[in-house]
C-alpha cells in the first residue's frame, strides 16, 4: 500500500485544492473533518499538501484506501465543494492499484479485486522453509539506464509499470508467479518439472508479443522500443512467503545465464531445464553455447 498511498498523496496535492480534498474525504467518510485531523483551527488556510497527507493517513488501512480511491475516481469530472474535480496525471495511481490487484469497474464505479489479486502467492501448498524444485526465469530490460537520456522520468516509470503488469499476466497465464521485480527486471518461478515447459512458453510469448506491447503501451519516444533478455534454469530454492527474499545457487545461475549470455530479445535455457521440456516446446530451441559445464539452448529466430 505504500506505493498507492504515495501516488494518491501526489495526485491530490497536485490536482485538487484544499476545499476539494476536504469534500472528497467527507464523501468517503461523513465523519471526516479536515480541520480536526490536521489540527488547524478555523479561518486558517490549510496547505493542500498538508490536506492531502492528512486525508490519506486518515484512511490508513488497505480497505479504506481502496474505498477512498474509488470515491475519488467516481467523482472525477463532477462538481462538488471547491469546484469541478479534474484528475490530471492519475495513471501512476491507477497502475499502482492494478499492481496490487485492483481495477476500476465503470459500472459499479469502484475498484474491485481482480482474479489475479485474489490468488494466493504460494500456490496454495508451499510451506515456509521447505525446499522445492522449480523452473526459474530471469527477465531484464536491455539498456534501461540509457532511456533517461531521451525520455521523461514519468514516461519511463509508467512504461516500466505497464511492462511489469504485462509480464505478470503472461507468467500467471502459465501458472507461474512473478516472485519479485526491481524497476526494470525480475524473477519468475514455475512449479516442479512441469513448470519448465510453462516457463519456456511464457518466454516465447514475451518475445513474440513484445512488438504489440511497444505499439500499445510503450510511452517512450518512438525509437525507444523495449527489448528484453531472458534466462531459464531448473533447480531448487527454499521457500518463504516473502518471495523477494528467496535466494539459492540455482536462482543465481538463472540470473547469470540471462546477464552474461543473454542477448536482446532472445531466450537462453540451461540444459538442465531444456531436457525437462516437452518435445513440442523443445523444437523451438537450438543449442547455442555453454555456461560452465552446462550447454545452453536459444530460441530459434522465426
Foldseek 3Di string as FASTA:
>chain_A
DVQLLVLQLVQQLPFAFLQVLQFLLCVLPVVDDQCVQLVPDPPDGDRRSSSSNSSSVVLPDDVSSQSSVLSLQLQAQHADGRGRGHGDPCLSSQLVVVVCQWHQDPVVSGIDGHPVNPDAQQNPDADAQAKFKKKKKKKFWPPLVVLVVAWDPVLLQQLQSVVVSVLQVLLVVLPKGFLDDDSGIGMIIAHDLARLQSNLVSLVCCLVCQVVCQVPPRSGPNVDRIWMFMFMEIDMWGDDSNSVPTDDPRNVVRVCCRPVVTDTSKYKYWPNSLVSHDPVSNVQWDFDQADVPTTIIMGDDD
